[in-house]
Amino acid sequence: MTPTDVFAPAKINLTLHITGQRDDGYHLLDSLVVFAPVGDVLRLVPAAELSLSLEGPEAAGLPADGDNLALRAAAMVGDGQGAAIALEKLLPVASGIGGGSADAAATARAMLAAAGALDEGGLARAGTALLALGADVPMCLASRPVRVRGIGERLEPVNLPPLPAVLVNPRVPVSTPRIFRSLTARDNPPMPEPLPEFPDAEVLIAWLKDMRNDMEPAASALEPMIGVVLGELAALPGCRLARMSGSGATCFGLFATMADAGAAAAALRVARPDWWIAEGLLGDQQARAMPRLG
């Protein structure tokens, strides 16, 4: 195995429609997912066995044993190959932006690259296996815009314009199982079929305003700080839409330009120095997410 560096971009649910629940308890969803230019960074080096070390500002409290999704993903796709995995944790934990799932997907990409199997077939087979680790893992493998349906196994790549955005997490963890248990409806309408064309960010944002995150009301009731974040994002000059990602507590604000997003993020950092805040273009991060060998 060649030493490998790989980027694990944050996953953002622009929409998250809960459309049903199977007899086995798994929820059905219809979600439009993009990826951010911020994320965790991993380095894998040859080793006799699999191991994981953690560093970075968000690493506190994260498991470094067999409970860690990155280690589990490496074991599932590595075909017995060992690696010493160093994870620099830059994304907040339990935050609705797929941090652990992105780490698992990035580790899987690195293991596949080391085995010479990082192609569409290898990614598809890995996605099927890694669904056992959570619905977010398969969608994070390619790190490109995708419509996600079923329990996370039905992936349809989509073409979307880049979206200038500000991401905010108030550093309060939320429990996804608790939010699912708190949902008042599990048979909500899906997104339209087919999706319309989106020639630019303005058209996409206008369309997104009519879509939903069906987990947002339940999450806001369980953790009122989410409502505070959404209110402050919506009040920022130039913000066109504020919404929660995934099960929270990370929320995003969409803007017409990166200049507007950058100014908003700077103002919010002054007002809320204790919050995790990032800005960037949401969209396709596939090129950055591909492993770099050597």
Protein backbone atom coordinates (compact mmCIF):
# COMPACT_ATOMS: atom_id res chain seq x y z
CA MET A 1 0.00 0.00 0.00
CA THR A 2 1.29 3.45 -0.94
CA PRO A 3 0.83 6.29 1.61
CA THR A 4 -2.42 7.98 0.66
CA ASP A 5 -4.01 11.33 1.51
CA VAL A 6 -7.72 11.78 1.10
CA PHE A 7 -10.23 14.59 1.76
CA ALA A 8 -13.63 13.91 3.35
CA PRO A 9 -15.92 16.81 2.38
CA ALA A 10 -18.95 17.74 4.47
CA LYS A 11 -22.29 16.55 3.11
CA ILE A 12 -25.14 19.08 2.95
CA ASN A 13 -28.80 18.10 2.54
CA LEU A 14 -30.35 20.94 0.53
CA THR A 15 -33.64 19.06 0.95
CA LEU A 16 -34.62 16.09 3.10
CA HIS A 17 -38.13 14.74 2.53
CA ILE A 18 -39.15 11.81 4.73
CA THR A 19 -41.52 9.84 2.51
CA GLY A 20 -42.26 6.65 4.45
CA GLN A 21 -41.06 4.00 6.85
CA ARG A 22 -40.40 0.34 6.11
CA ASP A 23 -41.57 -2.52 8.30
CA ASP A 24 -38.00 -2.95 9.57
CA GLY A 25 -38.03 0.62 10.91
CA TYR A 26 -35.80 2.21 8.26
CA HIS A 27 -37.08 5.57 7.02
CA LEU A 28 -37.51 6.32 3.31
CA LEU A 29 -36.19 9.62 2.07
CA ASP A 30 -35.92 11.85 -0.97
CA SER A 31 -33.00 14.23 -0.58
CA LEU A 32 -30.93 16.58 -2.73
CA VAL A 33 -27.34 16.39 -1.51
CA VAL A 34 -24.28 18.51 -2.28
CA PHE A 35 -20.80 18.71 -0.78
CA ALA A 36 -18.83 21.54 0.81
CA PRO A 37 -15.19 22.58 0.33
CA VAL A 38 -14.61 22.02 4.06
CA GLY A 39 -14.09 18.61 5.61
CA ASP A 40 -11.86 16.19 7.45
CA VAL A 41 -8.45 15.03 6.18
CA LEU A 42 -7.12 11.48 6.40
CA ARG A 43 -3.74 9.91 5.72
CA LEU A 44 -3.29 6.16 5.34
CA VAL A 45 0.15 4.53 5.44
CA PRO A 46 1.12 0.86 5.06
CA ALA A 47 0.85 -1.22 8.23
CA ALA A 48 0.44 -4.83 9.25
CA GLU A 49 -2.94 -4.16 10.85
CA LEU A 50 -5.65 -1.53 10.82
CA SER A 51 -5.29 1.28 13.37
CA LEU A 52 -6.62 4.79 13.83
CA SER A 53 -5.17 7.92 15.42
CA LEU A 54 -7.09 11.15 15.92
CA GLU A 55 -6.04 14.78 15.91
CA GLY A 56 -7.54 18.15 15.09
CA PRO A 57 -9.80 20.66 16.87
CA GLU A 58 -12.93 18.47 16.71
CA ALA A 59 -11.38 15.14 17.71
CA ALA A 60 -12.29 15.20 21.41
CA GLY A 61 -14.66 12.41 22.37
CA LEU A 62 -14.47 10.67 18.99
CA PRO A 63 -13.89 6.89 19.25
CA ALA A 64 -10.57 5.61 17.93
CA ASP A 65 -11.51 1.93 18.22
CA GLY A 66 -13.76 -0.43 16.30
CA ASP A 67 -16.74 1.87 16.79
CA ASN A 68 -15.21 4.46 14.47
CA LEU A 69 -16.82 4.40 11.03
CA ALA A 70 -13.49 4.99 9.26
CA LEU A 71 -12.00 1.84 10.78
CA ARG A 72 -15.12 -0.16 10.05
CA ALA A 73 -15.13 0.99 6.43
CA ALA A 74 -11.46 0.08 6.02
CA ALA A 75 -12.16 -3.40 7.33
CA MET A 76 -15.16 -3.85 5.03
CA VAL A 77 -13.49 -2.89 1.74
CA GLY A 78 -9.80 -3.49 2.49
CA ASP A 79 -9.81 -7.23 1.80
CA GLY A 80 -7.58 -7.88 4.82
CA GLN A 81 -5.13 -5.09 4.00
CA GLY A 82 -3.67 -3.20 6.96
CA ALA A 83 -3.23 0.56 7.26
CA ALA A 84 -2.40 3.13 9.89
CA ILE A 85 -5.10 5.78 9.50
CA ALA A 86 -4.51 9.30 10.80
CA LEU A 87 -7.69 11.36 10.91
CA GLU A 88 -7.53 15.14 11.27
CA LYS A 89 -11.01 15.97 12.55
CA LEU A 90 -12.11 19.42 11.39
CA LEU A 91 -15.89 18.93 11.17
CA PRO A 92 -18.01 19.03 14.34
CA VAL A 93 -19.29 15.67 15.57
CA ALA A 94 -22.99 14.67 15.44
CA SER A 95 -23.78 17.73 13.35
CA GLY A 96 -25.91 16.61 10.38
CA ILE A 97 -23.20 17.09 7.75
CA GLY A 98 -22.07 13.48 7.52
CA GLY A 99 -18.70 13.85 9.25
CA GLY A 100 -18.35 10.21 10.31
CA SER A 101 -19.93 8.99 7.09
CA ALA A 102 -17.63 11.21 5.02
CA ASP A 103 -14.62 9.80 6.91
CA ALA A 104 -15.83 6.25 6.23
CA ALA A 105 -16.34 6.99 2.54
CA ALA A 106 -12.94 8.70 2.26
CA THR A 107 -11.22 5.74 3.93
CA ALA A 108 -12.99 3.39 1.55
CA ARG A 109 -11.81 5.44 -1.44
CA ALA A 110 -8.23 5.29 -0.19
CA MET A 111 -8.38 1.52 0.37
CA LEU A 112 -9.89 1.01 -3.09
CA ALA A 113 -7.20 3.20 -4.65
CA ALA A 114 -4.48 1.18 -2.93
CA ALA A 115 -6.02 -2.00 -4.38
CA GLY A 116 -6.34 -0.51 -7.87
CA ALA A 117 -10.14 -0.76 -7.65
CA LEU A 118 -11.14 2.90 -7.55
CA ASP A 119 -13.46 2.82 -10.56
CA GLU A 120 -17.23 3.04 -11.03
CA GLY A 121 -17.64 -0.68 -10.42
CA GLY A 122 -15.52 -0.63 -7.29
CA LEU A 123 -17.34 2.40 -5.92
CA ALA A 124 -20.73 0.81 -6.64
CA ARG A 125 -19.79 -2.42 -4.87
CA ALA A 126 -18.37 -0.49 -1.93
CA GLY A 127 -21.52 1.64 -1.71
CA THR A 128 -23.70 -1.45 -1.46
CA ALA A 129 -21.57 -2.88 1.34
CA LEU A 130 -21.11 0.40 3.21
CA LEU A 131 -24.85 1.09 3.40
CA ALA A 132 -24.70 -1.11 6.51
CA LEU A 133 -22.74 1.70 8.21
CA GLY A 134 -25.48 4.28 7.56
CA ALA A 135 -27.52 5.90 4.82
CA ASP A 136 -25.05 8.76 4.38
CA VAL A 137 -22.00 6.63 3.53
CA PRO A 138 -22.86 5.59 -0.07
CA MET A 139 -23.78 9.15 -1.06
CA CYS A 140 -20.44 10.40 0.32
CA LEU A 141 -18.36 8.00 -1.80
CA ALA A 142 -18.43 10.09 -4.98
CA SER A 143 -18.80 13.47 -3.20
CA ARG A 144 -20.79 14.96 -6.06
CA PRO A 145 -24.36 16.33 -6.24
CA VAL A 146 -26.89 13.52 -6.05
CA ARG A 147 -30.56 12.83 -5.49
CA VAL A 148 -30.89 10.17 -2.80
CA ARG A 149 -33.93 7.93 -2.38
CA GLY A 150 -34.94 4.73 -0.65
CA ILE A 151 -33.00 4.28 2.58
CA GLY A 152 -29.95 5.85 0.95
CA GLU A 153 -29.19 3.18 -1.65
CA ARG A 154 -30.84 4.84 -4.68
CA LEU A 155 -28.40 7.45 -5.96
CA GLU A 156 -29.03 9.60 -9.02
CA PRO A 157 -26.28 12.12 -9.96
CA VAL A 158 -27.65 15.56 -10.79
CA ASN A 159 -26.22 18.70 -12.37
CA LEU A 160 -26.45 21.68 -10.04
CA PRO A 161 -24.87 25.13 -10.16
CA PRO A 162 -22.46 25.95 -7.30
CA LEU A 163 -24.17 27.58 -4.33
CA PRO A 164 -22.43 30.26 -2.23
CA ALA A 165 -23.14 29.31 1.37
CA VAL A 166 -22.38 29.84 5.03
CA LEU A 167 -22.40 26.78 7.31
CA VAL A 168 -23.04 27.19 11.04
CA ASN A 169 -23.02 24.75 13.92
CA PRO A 170 -23.75 26.10 17.41
CA ARG A 171 -21.78 23.22 18.99
CA VAL A 172 -24.80 21.41 20.37
CA PRO A 173 -25.01 17.71 19.43
CA VAL A 174 -28.34 16.26 18.40
CA SER A 175 -29.46 12.63 18.37
CA THR A 176 -30.71 11.43 14.99
CA PRO A 177 -32.68 8.51 16.53
CA ARG A 178 -34.43 10.89 18.94
CA ILE A 179 -35.44 13.16 16.08
CA PHE A 180 -36.79 10.26 14.02
CA ARG A 181 -38.83 9.15 17.03
CA SER A 182 -40.21 12.69 17.36
CA LEU A 183 -41.45 12.99 13.77
CA THR A 184 -45.17 13.65 13.61
CA ALA A 185 -45.45 12.47 9.98
CA ARG A 186 -43.45 9.90 8.04
CA ASP A 187 -45.36 9.82 4.76
CA ASN A 188 -44.61 13.28 3.39
CA PRO A 189 -44.59 14.16 -0.33
CA PRO A 190 -41.34 13.55 -2.24
CA MET A 191 -39.63 16.07 -4.48
CA PRO A 192 -41.03 16.49 -8.00
CA GLU A 193 -40.29 13.85 -10.61
CA PRO A 194 -38.31 14.65 -12.65
CA LEU A 195 -36.34 17.50 -11.13
CA PRO A 196 -36.36 20.72 -13.18
CA GLU A 197 -33.29 22.21 -14.83
CA PHE A 198 -31.30 24.70 -12.75
CA PRO A 199 -29.38 27.08 -15.02
CA ASP A 200 -28.00 29.17 -12.15
CA ALA A 201 -27.93 29.54 -8.38
CA GLU A 202 -30.83 32.00 -8.29
CA VAL A 203 -33.18 29.54 -10.00
CA LEU A 204 -32.06 26.71 -7.74
CA ILE A 205 -32.49 28.74 -4.55
CA ALA A 206 -35.97 29.88 -5.62
CA TRP A 207 -36.94 26.24 -6.20
CA LEU A 208 -35.45 25.10 -2.89
CA LYS A 209 -37.70 27.51 -1.01
CA ASP A 210 -40.66 25.29 -1.92
CA MET A 211 -38.88 22.14 -0.70
CA ARG A 212 -38.32 21.00 2.91
CA ASN A 213 -36.22 19.34 5.53
CA ASP A 214 -38.86 17.25 7.29
CA MET A 215 -36.56 16.72 10.27
CA GLU A 216 -36.14 20.42 10.96
CA PRO A 217 -39.32 21.01 13.04
CA ALA A 218 -38.66 18.00 15.29
CA ALA A 219 -34.98 18.88 15.67
CA SER A 220 -35.78 22.50 16.52
CA ALA A 221 -38.26 21.39 19.16
CA LEU A 222 -35.67 19.10 20.77
CA GLU A 223 -32.84 21.62 20.46
CA PRO A 224 -34.09 25.25 20.41
CA MET A 225 -30.63 26.54 19.48
CA ILE A 226 -31.29 25.33 15.94
CA GLY A 227 -34.08 27.90 15.64
CA VAL A 228 -31.69 30.57 16.92
CA VAL A 229 -29.13 29.66 14.26
CA LEU A 230 -31.73 29.67 11.49
CA GLY A 231 -33.01 33.06 12.62
CA GLU A 232 -29.56 34.61 12.69
CA LEU A 233 -28.64 33.16 9.31
CA ALA A 234 -31.87 34.41 7.74
CA ALA A 235 -31.22 37.89 9.11
CA LEU A 236 -27.78 38.19 7.52
CA PRO A 237 -27.64 40.63 4.59
CA GLY A 238 -27.99 38.78 1.31
CA CYS A 239 -29.21 35.48 2.74
CA ARG A 240 -31.73 33.97 0.30
CA LEU A 241 -32.55 30.79 2.24
CA ALA A 242 -31.70 29.36 5.68
CA ARG A 243 -32.25 25.65 6.38
CA MET A 244 -31.00 22.82 8.58
CA SER A 245 -28.86 20.07 7.06
CA GLY A 246 -29.62 16.43 7.82
CA SER A 247 -30.72 15.94 11.41
CA GLY A 248 -28.83 19.05 12.54
CA ALA A 249 -27.62 20.97 14.32
CA THR A 250 -25.62 22.38 11.40
CA CYS A 251 -27.59 24.88 9.31
CA PHE A 252 -26.74 26.63 6.07
CA GLY A 253 -27.52 29.98 4.54
CA LEU A 254 -27.51 30.36 0.75
CA PHE A 255 -26.39 33.58 -0.95
CA ALA A 256 -26.26 35.00 -4.47
CA THR A 257 -22.48 35.52 -4.46
CA MET A 258 -19.43 34.36 -2.52
CA ALA A 259 -18.74 37.99 -1.65
CA ASP A 260 -22.09 38.13 0.16
CA ALA A 261 -21.43 34.77 1.85
CA GLY A 262 -17.94 35.80 2.95
CA ALA A 263 -19.16 39.09 4.42
CA ALA A 264 -21.97 37.30 6.24
CA ALA A 265 -19.61 34.68 7.68
CA ALA A 266 -17.20 37.36 8.87
CA ALA A 267 -20.00 39.27 10.62
CA LEU A 268 -21.33 36.11 12.23
CA ARG A 269 -17.87 35.12 13.53
CA VAL A 270 -17.69 38.45 15.36
CA ALA A 271 -21.18 38.04 16.84
CA ARG A 272 -20.82 34.31 17.62
CA PRO A 273 -17.15 33.48 18.24
CA ASP A 274 -18.09 30.20 19.97
CA TRP A 275 -19.92 28.77 16.94
CA TRP A 276 -18.35 26.65 14.18
CA ILE A 277 -18.66 28.72 10.99
CA ALA A 278 -17.45 28.06 7.45
CA GLU A 279 -18.21 29.44 4.02
CA GLY A 280 -17.71 28.19 0.47
CA LEU A 281 -19.30 26.97 -2.73
CA LEU A 282 -21.55 23.95 -2.25
CA GLY A 283 -21.60 21.49 -5.12
CA ASP A 284 -19.25 18.94 -6.64
CA GLN A 285 -16.18 18.01 -4.58
CA GLN A 286 -15.37 14.78 -6.41
CA ALA A 287 -12.02 16.00 -7.78
CA ARG A 288 -10.80 17.10 -4.35
CA ALA A 289 -12.10 13.92 -2.70
CA MET A 290 -10.14 11.52 -4.89
CA PRO A 291 -7.16 9.96 -3.05
CA ARG A 292 -3.64 11.26 -3.67
CA LEU A 293 -0.99 8.56 -3.60
CA GLY A 294 2.61 9.02 -2.53
